[in-house]
Amino acid sequence: MTKIVKNEQAGYFEVEDKPSEAELKAYYEKEYYQNENASYAHRYSPEEIAFKFSKIKVKASIAERLLAGQKQLSLLDIGCGEGFVLKAFQDQGWTVKGLDYSNFGCQTHQPEVADTVTAGNIYDNIDQLITAGQTYDLIWLDNVLEHVNDVDSLLAKCRALARPHSILSITVPNDFSQLQLELLEEGKISREFWVKTPDHLSYFTAPSLRQLLEQAGWATEKIIGDFPIDWFLTNSNSNYIENGQVGKFAHQSRVWLYNHLVKNNDLEAVAQFFESLATVGMGRNITGFFSLESAKS
């Protein structure tokens, strides 16, 4: 059984015995995007594609406000996956660069930006960018930090890729949250469903993500949640963990509601709504926006 322990310094949880970097490299190169799973598929409906871009729009709107006044903006997407983020920012005139263990996902879903992706060992490719003196206005880690072996090392490398005004955007699952723990304590769920290895090696909440980043020298500008699909677990008729057959319906509701929010409201208002969710510990994922300039002040 996988043993999860608390990182006493930063407050997040992590796998005690992590796989080697070579094992992770083989897993992501050969299996992760190639095999359909709960996060990635070989084909998406139009509604799901809109959902992906809706999530990006909300986060991009925050990053753009934080970078106001900067011109000829550049993005580095570390763990760029299927390329949706690269596509969204390139369409807005940004210079984009993606890194991932495999370019399979990007070639499948967004082949028009596949030439911006460097595939292979992410750490080695980051080091090559650092050696070449490359820096970026926005460094984007979307559901990446929970996967890596050495969290502190990756955050240090992000600092080396940053400009004084740069923003670091980090999205991670909201795991070991108070809501999840109460659902478990009250018997509404029978297991810690969020623990999944070798995919997830570290587990964060908004407070522990803030604490980790501030210890790494980044100042917190904003933290937002996203759609709180975990709320469905409070009702036996919609509990997708105990009854997997209803999972697709919970997901469809999430997709429709998220797209509705973005389509019919000002993006700043939507961001404020999701920021409020993060403040009270809600949202299946959390996204933090961090800066170096504020850290120095």
C-alpha atoms as a PDB file:
ATOM      1  CA  MET A   1       0.000   0.000   0.000  1.00  0.00           C
ATOM      2  CA  THR A   2       1.285   3.463  -0.918  1.00  0.00           C
ATOM      3  CA  LYS A   3       2.337   5.440   2.149  1.00  0.00           C
ATOM      4  CA  ILE A   4       1.486   9.149   2.108  1.00  0.00           C
ATOM      5  CA  VAL A   5       3.308  11.409   4.569  1.00  0.00           C
ATOM      6  CA  LYS A   6       3.087  15.092   5.400  1.00  0.00           C
ATOM      7  CA  ASN A   7       5.904  17.381   4.362  1.00  0.00           C
ATOM      8  CA  GLU A   8       6.312  19.143   7.683  1.00  0.00           C
ATOM      9  CA  GLN A   9       8.144  22.133   6.224  1.00  0.00           C
ATOM     10  CA  ALA A  10       5.557  23.141   3.638  1.00  0.00           C
ATOM     11  CA  GLY A  11       2.450  21.338   4.868  1.00  0.00           C
ATOM     12  CA  TYR A  12       1.575  19.349   1.757  1.00  0.00           C
ATOM     13  CA  PHE A  13       1.375  15.550   1.518  1.00  0.00           C
ATOM     14  CA  GLU A  14       3.664  13.378  -0.577  1.00  0.00           C
ATOM     15  CA  VAL A  15       4.413   9.763  -1.426  1.00  0.00           C
ATOM     16  CA  GLU A  16       7.081   8.421   0.911  1.00  0.00           C
ATOM     17  CA  ASP A  17       8.845   6.158  -1.593  1.00  0.00           C
ATOM     18  CA  LYS A  18       8.744   7.904  -4.954  1.00  0.00           C
ATOM     19  CA  PRO A  19       9.572   6.215  -8.258  1.00  0.00           C
ATOM     20  CA  SER A  20      12.883   7.055  -9.880  1.00  0.00           C
ATOM     21  CA  GLU A  21      13.172   9.723 -12.542  1.00  0.00           C
ATOM     22  CA  ALA A  22      13.869   6.989 -15.101  1.00  0.00           C
ATOM     23  CA  GLU A  23      10.669   5.156 -14.144  1.00  0.00           C
ATOM     24  CA  LEU A  24       8.635   8.348 -14.458  1.00  0.00           C
ATOM     25  CA  LYS A  25      10.201   9.156 -17.819  1.00  0.00           C
ATOM     26  CA  ALA A  26       9.247   5.733 -19.191  1.00  0.00           C
ATOM     27  CA  TYR A  27       5.724   5.998 -17.799  1.00  0.00           C
ATOM     28  CA  TYR A  28       4.958   9.380 -19.354  1.00  0.00           C
ATOM     29  CA  GLU A  29       6.698   8.676 -22.655  1.00  0.00           C
ATOM     30  CA  LYS A  30       4.935   5.366 -23.279  1.00  0.00           C
ATOM     31  CA  GLU A  31       1.694   5.250 -21.306  1.00  0.00           C
ATOM     32  CA  TYR A  32       0.186   8.440 -19.911  1.00  0.00           C
ATOM     33  CA  TYR A  33      -1.254  10.203 -22.953  1.00  0.00           C
ATOM     34  CA  GLN A  34      -1.363   7.078 -25.104  1.00  0.00           C
ATOM     35  CA  ASN A  35      -3.835   5.359 -22.760  1.00  0.00           C
ATOM     36  CA  GLU A  36      -7.199   7.016 -22.237  1.00  0.00           C
ATOM     37  CA  ASN A  37      -7.924   7.879 -18.603  1.00  0.00           C
ATOM     38  CA  ALA A  38     -10.057  10.201 -16.521  1.00  0.00           C
ATOM     39  CA  SER A  39      -8.021  13.256 -17.495  1.00  0.00           C
ATOM     40  CA  TYR A  40      -7.071  12.611 -21.103  1.00  0.00           C
ATOM     41  CA  ALA A  41      -8.839  11.041 -24.057  1.00  0.00           C
ATOM     42  CA  HIS A  42      -8.160  10.517 -27.736  1.00  0.00           C
ATOM     43  CA  ARG A  43     -11.321  12.377 -28.708  1.00  0.00           C
ATOM     44  CA  TYR A  44     -13.461  15.051 -27.051  1.00  0.00           C
ATOM     45  CA  SER A  45     -16.950  16.338 -27.709  1.00  0.00           C
ATOM     46  CA  PRO A  46     -17.331  19.994 -28.792  1.00  0.00           C
ATOM     47  CA  GLU A  47     -18.662  20.782 -25.311  1.00  0.00           C
ATOM     48  CA  GLU A  48     -15.593  19.271 -23.653  1.00  0.00           C
ATOM     49  CA  ILE A  49     -13.256  21.186 -25.953  1.00  0.00           C
ATOM     50  CA  ALA A  50     -15.124  24.386 -25.076  1.00  0.00           C
ATOM     51  CA  PHE A  51     -14.763  23.444 -21.396  1.00  0.00           C
ATOM     52  CA  LYS A  52     -10.997  23.144 -21.755  1.00  0.00           C
ATOM     53  CA  PHE A  53     -10.730  26.527 -23.423  1.00  0.00           C
ATOM     54  CA  SER A  54     -13.144  28.067 -20.890  1.00  0.00           C
ATOM     55  CA  LYS A  55     -10.848  27.070 -18.035  1.00  0.00           C
ATOM     56  CA  ILE A  56      -7.863  28.496 -19.882  1.00  0.00           C
ATOM     57  CA  LYS A  57      -9.708  31.775 -20.559  1.00  0.00           C
ATOM     58  CA  VAL A  58     -10.377  32.358 -16.866  1.00  0.00           C
ATOM     59  CA  LYS A  59      -6.778  31.722 -15.852  1.00  0.00           C
ATOM     60  CA  ALA A  60      -5.344  33.616 -18.824  1.00  0.00           C
ATOM     61  CA  SER A  61      -7.455  36.659 -17.941  1.00  0.00           C
ATOM     62  CA  ILE A  62      -5.877  36.740 -14.481  1.00  0.00           C
ATOM     63  CA  ALA A  63      -2.348  36.311 -15.832  1.00  0.00           C
ATOM     64  CA  GLU A  64      -2.886  39.082 -18.388  1.00  0.00           C
ATOM     65  CA  ARG A  65      -4.083  41.485 -15.695  1.00  0.00           C
ATOM     66  CA  LEU A  66      -1.026  40.695 -13.599  1.00  0.00           C
ATOM     67  CA  LEU A  67       1.215  41.280 -16.635  1.00  0.00           C
ATOM     68  CA  ALA A  68      -0.512  44.497 -17.688  1.00  0.00           C
ATOM     69  CA  GLY A  69       1.872  46.870 -19.439  1.00  0.00           C
ATOM     70  CA  GLN A  70       4.187  44.148 -20.737  1.00  0.00           C
ATOM     71  CA  LYS A  71       4.480  43.744 -24.506  1.00  0.00           C
ATOM     72  CA  GLN A  72       5.342  40.849 -26.831  1.00  0.00           C
ATOM     73  CA  LEU A  73       4.407  38.345 -24.164  1.00  0.00           C
ATOM     74  CA  SER A  74       5.861  34.850 -24.002  1.00  0.00           C
ATOM     75  CA  LEU A  75       4.613  31.627 -22.422  1.00  0.00           C
ATOM     76  CA  LEU A  76       6.452  28.522 -21.293  1.00  0.00           C
ATOM     77  CA  ASP A  77       4.033  25.633 -20.708  1.00  0.00           C
ATOM     78  CA  ILE A  78       5.845  22.965 -18.695  1.00  0.00           C
ATOM     79  CA  GLY A  79       3.986  19.680 -19.103  1.00  0.00           C
ATOM     80  CA  CYS A  80       1.996  21.034 -22.042  1.00  0.00           C
ATOM     81  CA  GLY A  81       0.046  17.802 -22.561  1.00  0.00           C
ATOM     82  CA  GLU A  82      -2.472  18.070 -25.358  1.00  0.00           C
ATOM     83  CA  GLY A  83      -1.503  21.583 -26.417  1.00  0.00           C
ATOM     84  CA  PHE A  84      -4.742  23.415 -25.617  1.00  0.00           C
ATOM     85  CA  VAL A  85      -2.931  26.085 -23.584  1.00  0.00           C
ATOM     86  CA  LEU A  86      -0.322  26.596 -26.307  1.00  0.00           C
ATOM     87  CA  LYS A  87      -3.076  26.981 -28.884  1.00  0.00           C
ATOM     88  CA  ALA A  88      -5.101  29.437 -26.775  1.00  0.00           C
ATOM     89  CA  PHE A  89      -2.157  31.741 -26.085  1.00  0.00           C
ATOM     90  CA  GLN A  90      -0.718  31.548 -29.590  1.00  0.00           C
ATOM     91  CA  ASP A  91      -4.102  32.594 -30.957  1.00  0.00           C
ATOM     92  CA  GLN A  92      -3.841  35.682 -28.730  1.00  0.00           C
ATOM     93  CA  GLY A  93      -0.493  36.624 -30.255  1.00  0.00           C
ATOM     94  CA  TRP A  94       1.810  35.233 -27.590  1.00  0.00           C
ATOM     95  CA  THR A  95       5.110  33.504 -28.348  1.00  0.00           C
ATOM     96  CA  VAL A  96       4.675  30.004 -26.918  1.00  0.00           C
ATOM     97  CA  LYS A  97       6.958  27.129 -25.976  1.00  0.00           C
ATOM     98  CA  GLY A  98       5.907  23.737 -24.606  1.00  0.00           C
ATOM     99  CA  LEU A  99       7.779  20.982 -22.809  1.00  0.00           C
ATOM    100  CA  ASP A 100       6.581  17.454 -22.122  1.00  0.00           C
ATOM    101  CA  TYR A 101       7.865  13.895 -21.921  1.00  0.00           C
ATOM    102  CA  SER A 102       5.843  13.069 -25.039  1.00  0.00           C
ATOM    103  CA  ASN A 103       4.324  15.137 -27.843  1.00  0.00           C
ATOM    104  CA  PHE A 104       1.667  12.478 -28.508  1.00  0.00           C
ATOM    105  CA  GLY A 105      -1.121  14.440 -26.818  1.00  0.00           C
ATOM    106  CA  CYS A 106      -0.327  17.668 -28.657  1.00  0.00           C
ATOM    107  CA  GLN A 107       0.027  15.978 -32.030  1.00  0.00           C
ATOM    108  CA  THR A 108      -3.353  14.294 -31.467  1.00  0.00           C
ATOM    109  CA  HIS A 109      -5.352  17.350 -30.380  1.00  0.00           C
ATOM    110  CA  GLN A 110      -3.515  20.516 -31.428  1.00  0.00           C
ATOM    111  CA  PRO A 111      -1.098  19.523 -34.210  1.00  0.00           C
ATOM    112  CA  GLU A 112      -0.833  23.128 -35.422  1.00  0.00           C
ATOM    113  CA  VAL A 113       1.256  23.999 -32.323  1.00  0.00           C
ATOM    114  CA  ALA A 114       3.163  20.718 -32.140  1.00  0.00           C
ATOM    115  CA  ASP A 115       6.258  22.390 -33.562  1.00  0.00           C
ATOM    116  CA  THR A 116       6.473  24.562 -30.432  1.00  0.00           C
ATOM    117  CA  VAL A 117       6.859  21.470 -28.203  1.00  0.00           C
ATOM    118  CA  THR A 118      10.158  19.938 -27.149  1.00  0.00           C
ATOM    119  CA  ALA A 119       9.604  16.316 -26.090  1.00  0.00           C
ATOM    120  CA  GLY A 120      11.862  14.355 -23.748  1.00  0.00           C
ATOM    121  CA  ASN A 121      13.031  14.603 -20.169  1.00  0.00           C
ATOM    122  CA  ILE A 122      11.461  17.799 -18.863  1.00  0.00           C
ATOM    123  CA  TYR A 123      14.270  18.540 -16.412  1.00  0.00           C
ATOM    124  CA  ASP A 124      16.953  18.156 -19.101  1.00  0.00           C
ATOM    125  CA  ASN A 125      15.015  20.386 -21.483  1.00  0.00           C
ATOM    126  CA  ILE A 126      14.463  23.031 -18.805  1.00  0.00           C
ATOM    127  CA  ASP A 127      18.191  22.983 -18.066  1.00  0.00           C
ATOM    128  CA  GLN A 128      18.920  23.548 -21.754  1.00  0.00           C
ATOM    129  CA  LEU A 129      16.618  26.584 -21.755  1.00  0.00           C
ATOM    130  CA  ILE A 130      18.333  27.946 -18.626  1.00  0.00           C
ATOM    131  CA  THR A 131      21.771  27.410 -20.137  1.00  0.00           C
ATOM    132  CA  ALA A 132      20.640  29.239 -23.276  1.00  0.00           C
ATOM    133  CA  GLY A 133      19.473  32.170 -21.138  1.00  0.00           C
ATOM    134  CA  GLN A 134      15.806  31.806 -22.081  1.00  0.00           C
ATOM    135  CA  THR A 135      13.252  33.571 -19.894  1.00  0.00           C
ATOM    136  CA  TYR A 136       9.474  33.932 -20.130  1.00  0.00           C
ATOM    137  CA  ASP A 137       6.750  36.299 -18.996  1.00  0.00           C
ATOM    138  CA  LEU A 138       4.360  33.518 -17.943  1.00  0.00           C
ATOM    139  CA  ILE A 139       5.448  30.090 -16.737  1.00  0.00           C
ATOM    140  CA  TRP A 140       2.542  27.656 -16.718  1.00  0.00           C
ATOM    141  CA  LEU A 141       2.324  24.417 -14.715  1.00  0.00           C
ATOM    142  CA  ASP A 142      -1.117  22.914 -15.230  1.00  0.00           C
ATOM    143  CA  ASN A 143      -1.546  19.706 -13.224  1.00  0.00           C
ATOM    144  CA  VAL A 144       2.199  19.114 -13.274  1.00  0.00           C
ATOM    145  CA  LEU A 145       3.566  19.840  -9.807  1.00  0.00           C
ATOM    146  CA  GLU A 146       1.748  16.866  -8.272  1.00  0.00           C
ATOM    147  CA  HIS A 147       3.471  14.545 -10.776  1.00  0.00           C
ATOM    148  CA  VAL A 148       7.132  15.443 -10.276  1.00  0.00           C
ATOM    149  CA  ASN A 149       9.687  13.728  -8.100  1.00  0.00           C
ATOM    150  CA  ASP A 150      11.385  16.848  -6.769  1.00  0.00           C
ATOM    151  CA  VAL A 151       8.991  19.759  -6.214  1.00  0.00           C
ATOM    152  CA  ASP A 152      11.648  22.108  -4.812  1.00  0.00           C
ATOM    153  CA  SER A 153      13.987  21.535  -7.748  1.00  0.00           C
ATOM    154  CA  LEU A 154      11.305  22.318 -10.310  1.00  0.00           C
ATOM    155  CA  LEU A 155      10.324  25.541  -8.533  1.00  0.00           C
ATOM    156  CA  ALA A 156      13.977  26.611  -8.409  1.00  0.00           C
ATOM    157  CA  LYS A 157      14.273  26.015 -12.156  1.00  0.00           C
ATOM    158  CA  CYS A 158      11.169  28.113 -12.717  1.00  0.00           C
ATOM    159  CA  ARG A 159      12.889  30.998 -10.938  1.00  0.00           C
ATOM    160  CA  ALA A 160      15.830  30.676 -13.311  1.00  0.00           C
ATOM    161  CA  LEU A 161      13.449  30.929 -16.290  1.00  0.00           C
ATOM    162  CA  ALA A 162      11.624  33.975 -14.931  1.00  0.00           C
ATOM    163  CA  ARG A 163      12.020  37.667 -15.639  1.00  0.00           C
ATOM    164  CA  PRO A 164      11.670  40.184 -12.784  1.00  0.00           C
ATOM    165  CA  HIS A 165       8.013  40.783 -13.681  1.00  0.00           C
ATOM    166  CA  SER A 166       7.159  37.146 -14.558  1.00  0.00           C
ATOM    167  CA  ILE A 167       4.110  35.302 -13.311  1.00  0.00           C
ATOM    168  CA  LEU A 168       4.131  31.630 -12.358  1.00  0.00           C
ATOM    169  CA  SER A 169       0.749  29.900 -12.723  1.00  0.00           C
ATOM    170  CA  ILE A 170       0.377  26.556 -10.955  1.00  0.00           C
ATOM    171  CA  THR A 171      -2.719  24.359 -11.086  1.00  0.00           C
ATOM    172  CA  VAL A 172      -2.899  21.306  -8.839  1.00  0.00           C
ATOM    173  CA  PRO A 173      -5.705  19.060  -7.571  1.00  0.00           C
ATOM    174  CA  ASN A 174      -7.210  20.227  -4.286  1.00  0.00           C
ATOM    175  CA  ASP A 175      -6.449  17.076  -2.288  1.00  0.00           C
ATOM    176  CA  PHE A 176      -6.632  16.165   1.387  1.00  0.00           C
ATOM    177  CA  SER A 177      -9.092  19.057   1.584  1.00  0.00           C
ATOM    178  CA  GLN A 178     -11.365  19.463   4.587  1.00  0.00           C
ATOM    179  CA  LEU A 179     -14.335  18.543   2.412  1.00  0.00           C
ATOM    180  CA  GLN A 180     -12.729  15.286   1.287  1.00  0.00           C
ATOM    181  CA  LEU A 181     -11.732  14.366   4.818  1.00  0.00           C
ATOM    182  CA  GLU A 182     -15.247  15.003   6.153  1.00  0.00           C
ATOM    183  CA  LEU A 183     -16.780  12.969   3.330  1.00  0.00           C
ATOM    184  CA  LEU A 184     -14.476  10.124   4.322  1.00  0.00           C
ATOM    185  CA  GLU A 185     -15.150  10.521   8.038  1.00  0.00           C
ATOM    186  CA  GLU A 186     -18.924  10.506   7.517  1.00  0.00           C
ATOM    187  CA  GLY A 187     -18.780   7.422   5.300  1.00  0.00           C
ATOM    188  CA  LYS A 188     -20.006   9.155   2.151  1.00  0.00           C
ATOM    189  CA  ILE A 189     -16.884   7.872   0.395  1.00  0.00           C
ATOM    190  CA  SER A 190     -15.118   4.645   1.267  1.00  0.00           C
ATOM    191  CA  ARG A 191     -11.549   5.485   0.292  1.00  0.00           C
ATOM    192  CA  GLU A 192      -9.057   8.264  -0.382  1.00  0.00           C
ATOM    193  CA  PHE A 193      -9.934   8.256  -4.082  1.00  0.00           C
ATOM    194  CA  TRP A 194      -7.592  11.177  -4.801  1.00  0.00           C
ATOM    195  CA  VAL A 195      -4.481   9.144  -3.968  1.00  0.00           C
ATOM    196  CA  LYS A 196      -3.233   7.830  -7.282  1.00  0.00           C
ATOM    197  CA  THR A 197       0.309   6.689  -7.947  1.00  0.00           C
ATOM    198  CA  PRO A 198       2.565   6.861  -9.884  1.00  0.00           C
ATOM    199  CA  ASP A 199       0.568   9.744 -11.372  1.00  0.00           C
ATOM    200  CA  HIS A 200       0.319  11.904  -8.252  1.00  0.00           C
ATOM    201  CA  LEU A 201       3.312  12.052  -5.937  1.00  0.00           C
ATOM    202  CA  SER A 202       2.363  15.233  -4.019  1.00  0.00           C
ATOM    203  CA  TYR A 203      -0.998  16.532  -2.724  1.00  0.00           C
ATOM    204  CA  PHE A 204      -1.877  20.182  -2.093  1.00  0.00           C
ATOM    205  CA  THR A 205      -4.526  22.495  -0.698  1.00  0.00           C
ATOM    206  CA  ALA A 206      -4.571  26.276  -1.169  1.00  0.00           C
ATOM    207  CA  PRO A 207      -2.783  26.975   2.151  1.00  0.00           C
ATOM    208  CA  SER A 208      -0.049  24.404   1.556  1.00  0.00           C
ATOM    209  CA  LEU A 209       0.489  25.557  -2.041  1.00  0.00           C
ATOM    210  CA  ARG A 210       0.849  29.137  -0.811  1.00  0.00           C
ATOM    211  CA  GLN A 211       3.249  28.063   1.921  1.00  0.00           C
ATOM    212  CA  LEU A 212       5.375  25.992  -0.453  1.00  0.00           C
ATOM    213  CA  LEU A 213       5.688  28.767  -3.039  1.00  0.00           C
ATOM    214  CA  GLU A 214       6.464  31.457  -0.514  1.00  0.00           C
ATOM    215  CA  GLN A 215       9.207  29.278   0.941  1.00  0.00           C
ATOM    216  CA  ALA A 216      10.558  28.964  -2.607  1.00  0.00           C
ATOM    217  CA  GLY A 217      10.750  32.749  -2.943  1.00  0.00           C
ATOM    218  CA  TRP A 218       7.506  33.474  -4.803  1.00  0.00           C
ATOM    219  CA  ALA A 219       4.827  35.868  -3.553  1.00  0.00           C
ATOM    220  CA  THR A 220       1.178  34.871  -3.849  1.00  0.00           C
ATOM    221  CA  GLU A 221      -0.844  37.185  -6.081  1.00  0.00           C
ATOM    222  CA  LYS A 222      -4.070  35.177  -6.230  1.00  0.00           C
ATOM    223  CA  ILE A 223      -5.430  31.657  -5.694  1.00  0.00           C
ATOM    224  CA  ILE A 224      -8.620  30.439  -7.336  1.00  0.00           C
ATOM    225  CA  GLY A 225     -10.585  27.207  -7.218  1.00  0.00           C
ATOM    226  CA  ASP A 226     -12.587  25.704 -10.041  1.00  0.00           C
ATOM    227  CA  PHE A 227     -15.850  23.814 -10.365  1.00  0.00           C
ATOM    228  CA  PRO A 228     -16.460  21.936  -7.049  1.00  0.00           C
ATOM    229  CA  ILE A 229     -17.429  18.593  -8.544  1.00  0.00           C
ATOM    230  CA  ASP A 230     -16.743  17.014  -5.144  1.00  0.00           C
ATOM    231  CA  TRP A 231     -20.097  18.455  -4.053  1.00  0.00           C
ATOM    232  CA  PHE A 232     -21.771  15.647  -5.986  1.00  0.00           C
ATOM    233  CA  LEU A 233     -20.303  13.222  -3.438  1.00  0.00           C
ATOM    234  CA  THR A 234     -22.592  14.511  -0.708  1.00  0.00           C
ATOM    235  CA  ASN A 235     -25.618  12.913  -2.418  1.00  0.00           C
ATOM    236  CA  SER A 236     -25.905   9.154  -2.864  1.00  0.00           C
ATOM    237  CA  ASN A 237     -27.700   9.654  -6.185  1.00  0.00           C
ATOM    238  CA  SER A 238     -24.779  11.578  -7.673  1.00  0.00           C
ATOM    239  CA  ASN A 239     -21.851  10.035  -5.778  1.00  0.00           C
ATOM    240  CA  TYR A 240     -19.545   9.122  -8.651  1.00  0.00           C
ATOM    241  CA  ILE A 241     -16.937   7.529  -6.394  1.00  0.00           C
ATOM    242  CA  GLU A 242     -19.266   4.951  -4.868  1.00  0.00           C
ATOM    243  CA  ASN A 243     -21.278   4.589  -8.096  1.00  0.00           C
ATOM    244  CA  GLY A 244     -19.051   4.988 -11.131  1.00  0.00           C
ATOM    245  CA  GLN A 245     -22.031   4.845 -13.484  1.00  0.00           C
ATOM    246  CA  VAL A 246     -23.089   8.373 -12.517  1.00  0.00           C
ATOM    247  CA  GLY A 247     -19.617   9.836 -13.036  1.00  0.00           C
ATOM    248  CA  LYS A 248     -20.225  10.872 -16.628  1.00  0.00           C
ATOM    249  CA  PHE A 249     -23.355  12.764 -15.609  1.00  0.00           C
ATOM    250  CA  ALA A 250     -21.477  14.697 -12.925  1.00  0.00           C
ATOM    251  CA  HIS A 251     -18.822  15.553 -15.494  1.00  0.00           C
ATOM    252  CA  GLN A 252     -21.442  16.655 -18.036  1.00  0.00           C
ATOM    253  CA  SER A 253     -22.973  18.979 -15.444  1.00  0.00           C
ATOM    254  CA  ARG A 254     -19.554  20.435 -14.680  1.00  0.00           C
ATOM    255  CA  VAL A 255     -18.852  21.000 -18.376  1.00  0.00           C
ATOM    256  CA  TRP A 256     -22.213  22.698 -19.016  1.00  0.00           C
ATOM    257  CA  LEU A 257     -22.090  24.912 -15.937  1.00  0.00           C
ATOM    258  CA  TYR A 258     -18.487  25.999 -16.462  1.00  0.00           C
ATOM    259  CA  ASN A 259     -19.117  26.852 -20.108  1.00  0.00           C
ATOM    260  CA  HIS A 260     -22.267  28.723 -19.067  1.00  0.00           C
ATOM    261  CA  LEU A 261     -20.362  30.793 -16.511  1.00  0.00           C
ATOM    262  CA  VAL A 262     -17.661  31.826 -18.972  1.00  0.00           C
ATOM    263  CA  LYS A 263     -20.017  32.466 -21.871  1.00  0.00           C
ATOM    264  CA  ASN A 264     -22.470  34.638 -19.968  1.00  0.00           C
ATOM    265  CA  ASN A 265     -20.331  36.583 -17.519  1.00  0.00           C
ATOM    266  CA  ASP A 266     -17.385  38.940 -17.391  1.00  0.00           C
ATOM    267  CA  LEU A 267     -14.196  36.925 -16.924  1.00  0.00           C
ATOM    268  CA  GLU A 268     -13.142  39.033 -13.960  1.00  0.00           C
ATOM    269  CA  ALA A 269     -16.427  38.247 -12.218  1.00  0.00           C
ATOM    270  CA  VAL A 270     -15.962  34.537 -12.908  1.00  0.00           C
ATOM    271  CA  ALA A 271     -12.420  34.716 -11.532  1.00  0.00           C
ATOM    272  CA  GLN A 272     -13.721  36.395  -8.372  1.00  0.00           C
ATOM    273  CA  PHE A 273     -16.287  33.619  -7.975  1.00  0.00           C
ATOM    274  CA  PHE A 274     -13.599  30.954  -8.209  1.00  0.00           C
ATOM    275  CA  GLU A 275     -11.319  32.931  -5.894  1.00  0.00           C
ATOM    276  CA  SER A 276     -14.098  32.850  -3.282  1.00  0.00           C
ATOM    277  CA  LEU A 277     -14.340  29.078  -3.673  1.00  0.00           C
ATOM    278  CA  ALA A 278     -10.619  28.701  -3.017  1.00  0.00           C
ATOM    279  CA  THR A 279     -10.896  30.896   0.070  1.00  0.00           C
ATOM    280  CA  VAL A 280     -13.357  28.431   1.616  1.00  0.00           C
ATOM    281  CA  GLY A 281     -11.353  25.398   0.480  1.00  0.00           C
ATOM    282  CA  MET A 282     -13.561  24.381  -2.451  1.00  0.00           C
ATOM    283  CA  GLY A 283     -12.850  23.434  -6.051  1.00  0.00           C
ATOM    284  CA  ARG A 284     -11.596  20.179  -7.523  1.00  0.00           C
ATOM    285  CA  ASN A 285      -8.456  22.018  -8.602  1.00  0.00           C
ATOM    286  CA  ILE A 286      -6.750  25.117  -7.309  1.00  0.00           C
ATOM    287  CA  THR A 287      -4.630  27.562  -9.296  1.00  0.00           C
ATOM    288  CA  GLY A 288      -2.126  29.911  -7.745  1.00  0.00           C
ATOM    289  CA  PHE A 289      -0.563  32.942  -9.431  1.00  0.00           C
ATOM    290  CA  PHE A 290       2.834  33.926  -8.039  1.00  0.00           C
ATOM    291  CA  SER A 291       5.334  36.695  -8.710  1.00  0.00           C
ATOM    292  CA  LEU A 292       8.937  37.558  -7.920  1.00  0.00           C
ATOM    293  CA  GLU A 293       8.548  41.330  -7.835  1.00  0.00           C
ATOM    294  CA  SER A 294       6.108  41.206  -4.900  1.00  0.00           C
ATOM    295  CA  ALA A 295       8.377  38.712  -3.155  1.00  0.00           C
ATOM    296  CA  LYS A 296      11.171  41.313  -3.133  1.00  0.00           C
ATOM    297  CA  SER A 297       9.043  44.146  -1.786  1.00  0.00           C
END
